[in-house]
């Protein structure tokens, strides 16, 4: 017969062993781009376990951000989400780098050497040509970005429906310019108009959302952007990390 103390030790070791072999919760990726016949089955924002298999049809293209990298799957075929994702940590770090609010002479970042359209190089730059909700970490350091840098240009930013506007001027070859928070401090949930130079007919409406945490992983950031409705930035992640 075992003594009471030995029985207690055996029970403790059994419990420790049970804890040790407990299964680890499966990691899940986030769909950031979905086109083709199966797009409705795998919508943007959907979470898919890394060990899950995805069956696609001809014409399908699904981009999933996982904890280990980016997985681009194109049909037809069956694919495992977590199998050999493309490492994109360096690209993600460059895209999400927080830069000083001072003016930055960056020039235009293009899609390639074919003279294609300029692309916004940073997730936290507000594209003056794109409407929608913009997620930022710091609403005191808003930086505007323009795709065309050939000439001096002044954009006007104001609360939607207000005649009081703040001018933001870009110099020649300058694609990034800061909004002075002393002149206008943006607030979450408020709609603002960004009006291009000219007769005022070219204007986009944006709303700002404040991110509550600093996300170090692309999949976690994508999930937060989807939750806040920052679709343009989700598309930017998909474009730059999936290409």
Protein backbone atom coordinates (compact mmCIF):
# COMPACT_ATOMS: atom_id res chain seq x y z
CA UNK A 1 0.00 0.00 0.00
CA UNK A 2 1.23 3.51 -0.80
CA UNK A 3 1.44 6.02 1.98
CA UNK A 4 -0.70 9.15 1.83
CA UNK A 5 2.38 11.31 1.04
CA UNK A 6 3.45 9.09 -1.87
CA UNK A 7 -0.10 9.09 -3.26
CA UNK A 8 -0.10 12.89 -3.10
CA UNK A 9 3.24 13.08 -4.95
CA UNK A 10 1.98 10.70 -7.67
CA UNK A 11 -1.20 12.75 -8.06
CA UNK A 12 0.86 15.93 -8.34
CA UNK A 13 3.13 14.42 -11.01
CA UNK A 14 0.10 13.19 -12.96
CA UNK A 15 -1.44 16.66 -12.86
CA UNK A 16 1.83 18.25 -13.99
CA UNK A 17 2.06 15.75 -16.84
CA UNK A 18 -1.49 16.53 -17.87
CA UNK A 19 -0.67 20.23 -17.99
CA UNK A 20 2.50 19.56 -19.97
CA UNK A 21 0.79 17.55 -22.72
CA UNK A 22 -2.27 19.80 -23.05
CA UNK A 23 -2.76 20.80 -26.69
CA UNK A 24 -1.66 24.27 -27.73
CA UNK A 25 -4.36 26.54 -29.15
CA UNK A 26 -4.09 26.64 -32.94
CA UNK A 27 -2.89 29.87 -34.47
CA UNK A 28 -5.19 31.54 -36.94
CA UNK A 29 -4.44 33.70 -39.95
CA UNK A 30 -6.57 36.56 -41.26
CA UNK A 31 -7.88 36.87 -44.82
CA UNK A 32 -6.87 40.28 -46.21
CA UNK A 33 -7.69 39.76 -49.90
CA UNK A 34 -10.21 37.49 -51.55
CA UNK A 35 -11.28 37.45 -55.19
CA UNK A 36 -12.92 34.94 -57.50
CA UNK A 37 -15.81 32.46 -57.23
CA UNK A 38 -15.00 31.58 -53.58
CA UNK A 39 -14.66 35.16 -52.33
CA UNK A 40 -17.94 34.98 -50.40
CA UNK A 41 -16.79 31.76 -48.72
CA UNK A 42 -13.51 33.34 -47.58
CA UNK A 43 -14.35 37.04 -47.00
CA UNK A 44 -11.80 39.65 -45.90
CA UNK A 45 -11.48 39.56 -42.12
CA UNK A 46 -12.21 35.84 -41.80
CA UNK A 47 -9.89 33.92 -39.47
CA UNK A 48 -8.55 30.57 -40.67
CA UNK A 49 -6.49 28.15 -38.54
CA UNK A 50 -2.93 27.64 -39.71
CA UNK A 51 -3.54 23.88 -39.93
CA UNK A 52 -6.73 24.29 -41.97
CA UNK A 53 -6.97 23.40 -45.65
CA UNK A 54 -8.58 25.70 -48.22
CA UNK A 55 -10.08 24.40 -51.44
CA UNK A 56 -10.26 26.95 -54.25
CA UNK A 57 -11.75 27.06 -57.72
CA UNK A 58 -10.31 28.33 -60.98
CA UNK A 59 -10.03 32.12 -60.80
CA UNK A 60 -9.79 32.25 -57.00
CA UNK A 61 -7.04 34.18 -55.21
CA UNK A 62 -6.88 34.35 -51.41
CA UNK A 63 -4.23 36.18 -49.34
CA UNK A 64 -3.92 35.23 -45.66
CA UNK A 65 -1.63 36.89 -43.12
CA UNK A 66 -0.42 34.32 -40.59
CA UNK A 67 1.80 34.58 -37.51
CA UNK A 68 4.77 33.36 -39.60
CA UNK A 69 4.25 35.20 -42.86
CA UNK A 70 1.97 35.70 -45.86
CA UNK A 71 0.21 32.87 -47.67
CA UNK A 72 -1.12 33.58 -51.16
CA UNK A 73 -3.29 30.79 -52.57
CA UNK A 74 -4.56 30.72 -56.13
CA UNK A 75 -7.02 28.15 -57.45
CA UNK A 76 -7.86 25.63 -58.48
CA UNK A 77 -6.54 23.34 -55.77
CA UNK A 78 -6.39 22.53 -52.06
CA UNK A 79 -3.90 24.44 -49.91
CA UNK A 80 -2.81 24.31 -46.27
CA UNK A 81 -2.84 27.81 -44.79
CA UNK A 82 0.21 27.42 -42.55
CA UNK A 83 2.39 25.53 -45.01
CA UNK A 84 5.47 27.49 -46.14
CA UNK A 85 4.14 31.05 -45.84
CA UNK A 86 6.25 33.78 -47.45
CA UNK A 87 8.39 35.58 -44.86
CA UNK A 88 7.41 39.26 -44.94
CA UNK A 89 8.60 40.54 -41.56
CA UNK A 90 11.08 43.05 -43.03
CA UNK A 91 8.52 44.35 -45.51
CA UNK A 92 5.91 44.63 -42.75
CA UNK A 93 8.35 46.55 -40.52
CA UNK A 94 9.11 49.03 -43.31
CA UNK A 95 5.44 49.51 -44.17
CA UNK A 96 4.39 50.16 -40.56
CA UNK A 97 7.39 52.18 -39.39
CA UNK A 98 6.33 55.19 -37.34
CA UNK A 99 8.15 58.23 -38.71
CA UNK A 100 8.60 61.72 -37.33
CA UNK A 101 5.78 64.16 -38.05
CA UNK A 102 8.24 66.53 -39.71
CA UNK A 103 8.09 66.83 -43.47
CA UNK A 104 9.78 63.95 -45.24
CA UNK A 105 11.11 64.29 -48.78
CA UNK A 106 10.32 60.80 -49.99
CA UNK A 107 9.46 61.31 -53.64
CA UNK A 108 7.06 58.90 -55.33
CA UNK A 109 7.15 55.19 -54.62
CA UNK A 110 6.10 53.37 -57.78
CA UNK A 111 4.91 49.85 -58.51
CA UNK A 112 8.02 49.10 -60.55
CA UNK A 113 10.29 50.42 -63.24
CA UNK A 114 7.49 50.63 -65.79
CA UNK A 115 6.33 54.09 -64.68
CA UNK A 116 3.22 52.70 -62.98
CA UNK A 117 1.14 54.66 -60.46
CA UNK A 118 2.71 55.76 -57.18
CA UNK A 119 1.96 53.72 -54.06
CA UNK A 120 1.64 54.95 -50.51
CA UNK A 121 4.87 53.70 -48.83
CA UNK A 122 3.64 53.79 -45.23
CA UNK A 123 0.50 52.43 -43.59
CA UNK A 124 0.17 55.53 -41.38
CA UNK A 125 0.24 58.11 -44.18
CA UNK A 126 -3.20 59.45 -45.09
CA UNK A 127 -3.68 59.19 -48.87
CA UNK A 128 -5.31 62.47 -49.96
CA UNK A 129 -7.04 60.69 -52.86
CA UNK A 130 -8.68 57.86 -50.88
CA UNK A 131 -11.92 58.17 -48.86
CA UNK A 132 -12.84 55.99 -45.90
CA UNK A 133 -11.78 55.27 -42.33
CA UNK A 134 -8.08 55.64 -41.46
CA UNK A 135 -6.58 53.89 -38.43
CA UNK A 136 -3.71 55.65 -36.65
CA UNK A 137 -1.73 55.25 -33.45
CA UNK A 138 -1.33 58.97 -32.84
CA UNK A 139 -3.94 61.53 -33.92
CA UNK A 140 -1.55 64.33 -32.96
CA UNK A 141 0.85 63.33 -35.74
CA UNK A 142 -1.25 63.08 -38.91
CA UNK A 143 0.79 62.99 -42.12
CA UNK A 144 -0.81 63.41 -45.53
CA UNK A 145 0.54 61.65 -48.62
CA UNK A 146 -0.04 62.52 -52.29
CA UNK A 147 0.74 60.36 -55.34
CA UNK A 148 1.74 63.24 -57.65
CA UNK A 149 4.81 65.25 -56.63
CA UNK A 150 5.51 67.21 -59.81
CA UNK A 151 4.45 70.63 -58.50
CA UNK A 152 3.64 72.62 -55.38
CA UNK A 153 0.14 71.80 -54.16
CA UNK A 154 -2.00 72.94 -51.23
CA UNK A 155 -4.77 70.73 -49.89
CA UNK A 156 -7.49 71.92 -47.52
CA UNK A 157 -8.62 69.81 -44.59
CA UNK A 158 -11.75 70.60 -42.59
CA UNK A 159 -14.55 68.98 -40.66
CA UNK A 160 -17.13 67.76 -43.14
CA UNK A 161 -19.64 70.52 -43.84
CA UNK A 162 -17.52 73.25 -42.24
CA UNK A 163 -16.15 76.28 -44.09
CA UNK A 164 -13.17 76.55 -41.73
CA UNK A 165 -10.27 74.73 -43.36
CA UNK A 166 -6.59 74.19 -42.62
CA UNK A 167 -4.14 74.30 -45.53
CA UNK A 168 -1.46 71.63 -45.93
CA UNK A 169 1.16 72.48 -48.58
CA UNK A 170 3.43 70.04 -50.42
CA UNK A 171 6.59 71.41 -52.03
CA UNK A 172 7.88 70.17 -55.39
CA UNK A 173 9.06 66.53 -55.18
CA UNK A 174 7.54 66.27 -51.72
CA UNK A 175 4.99 63.50 -51.18
CA UNK A 176 4.50 63.76 -47.40
CA UNK A 177 3.38 66.77 -45.36
CA UNK A 178 2.19 66.96 -41.73
CA UNK A 179 -1.05 68.39 -40.44
CA UNK A 180 -0.29 70.96 -37.72
CA UNK A 181 -2.20 69.77 -34.62
CA UNK A 182 -2.18 73.34 -33.28
CA UNK A 183 -4.38 74.35 -36.20
CA UNK A 184 -6.59 71.26 -36.33
CA UNK A 185 -6.66 68.24 -34.04
CA UNK A 186 -8.59 65.34 -35.49
CA UNK A 187 -10.86 63.26 -33.27
CA UNK A 188 -12.02 59.65 -33.67
CA UNK A 189 -15.36 59.19 -35.40
CA UNK A 190 -15.50 62.70 -36.87
CA UNK A 191 -15.74 63.05 -40.65
CA UNK A 192 -13.24 65.33 -42.41
CA UNK A 193 -12.99 66.56 -45.98
CA UNK A 194 -9.67 66.66 -47.85
CA UNK A 195 -10.00 68.99 -50.83
CA UNK A 196 -7.51 69.03 -53.70
CA UNK A 197 -6.18 72.26 -55.26
CA UNK A 198 -8.44 73.86 -57.84
CA UNK A 199 -12.10 74.74 -57.80
CA UNK A 200 -12.88 72.56 -54.77
CA UNK A 201 -14.75 69.91 -56.77
CA UNK A 202 -12.22 67.17 -56.00
CA UNK A 203 -12.74 66.19 -52.39
CA UNK A 204 -12.66 62.97 -50.35
CA UNK A 205 -14.16 62.32 -46.94
CA UNK A 206 -12.19 60.48 -44.26
CA UNK A 207 -12.84 59.40 -40.69
CA UNK A 208 -10.12 58.58 -38.18
CA UNK A 209 -9.98 55.68 -35.74
CA UNK A 210 -7.45 55.34 -32.92
CA UNK A 211 -5.78 51.96 -32.53
CA UNK A 212 -5.71 50.83 -28.91
CA UNK A 213 -2.54 48.73 -29.11
CA UNK A 214 0.78 48.53 -30.93
CA UNK A 215 0.59 45.38 -33.05
CA UNK A 216 3.91 43.73 -33.83
CA UNK A 217 2.43 41.01 -36.07
CA UNK A 218 0.78 41.54 -39.43
CA UNK A 219 -2.11 39.15 -38.73
CA UNK A 220 -2.96 40.88 -35.45
CA UNK A 221 -2.80 44.32 -37.06
CA UNK A 222 -4.97 43.18 -39.97
CA UNK A 223 -7.61 41.90 -37.55
CA UNK A 224 -7.66 45.27 -35.74
CA UNK A 225 -7.90 47.21 -39.03
CA UNK A 226 -10.82 45.07 -40.19
CA UNK A 227 -12.62 45.59 -36.87
CA UNK A 228 -12.32 49.37 -37.22
CA UNK A 229 -13.41 49.37 -40.87
CA UNK A 230 -10.04 50.64 -42.18
CA UNK A 231 -10.43 48.80 -45.48
CA UNK A 232 -7.94 50.87 -47.49
CA UNK A 233 -5.17 49.95 -45.06
CA UNK A 234 -6.18 46.27 -45.15
CA UNK A 235 -5.88 46.43 -48.95
CA UNK A 236 -2.52 48.18 -48.57
CA UNK A 237 -1.28 45.34 -46.34
CA UNK A 238 -2.50 42.75 -48.81
CA UNK A 239 -0.90 44.56 -51.75
CA UNK A 240 2.51 45.11 -50.18
CA UNK A 241 2.84 41.82 -48.27
CA UNK A 242 1.21 39.58 -50.83
CA UNK A 243 3.12 40.83 -53.87
